[in-house]
Amino acid sequence: MIHKILLFNLSDPSKESLICDKTMELLARVPGAENVTFRRAVEQGEIQYRYLITVDFESMQAHDEYLVHESHVSFSKEYFRPNISELLIQFFE
């Protein structure tokens, strides 16, 4: 199992609901994407990233297929990339 995490900040915090809704609407329905979540950081101390998206995959091949799926491409181009100010992506086994 591959676990992908995206830690990020929004350039406009008022877009939080939109990004959350589109994460669940578009990413959760991509074949091979499992356990899709959107979370907000707990307000405790200094916070580097305010938001987290997680997605699980059976393999890196499943992830690669996810990257080119029309729902992921739409999410990334129309909603995610235009609204983020900082991003860290990392994979775990």
Foldseek 3Di string as FASTA:
>chain_A
DKKKKKFFAWPDVVCVVVLQVLQCVQLVPQPFWPDWHKDADDPDPDDPGGIMIMTDGPDVVSVVSSCPDPSNVCSVVPPNVVTTDDIDMDMDD
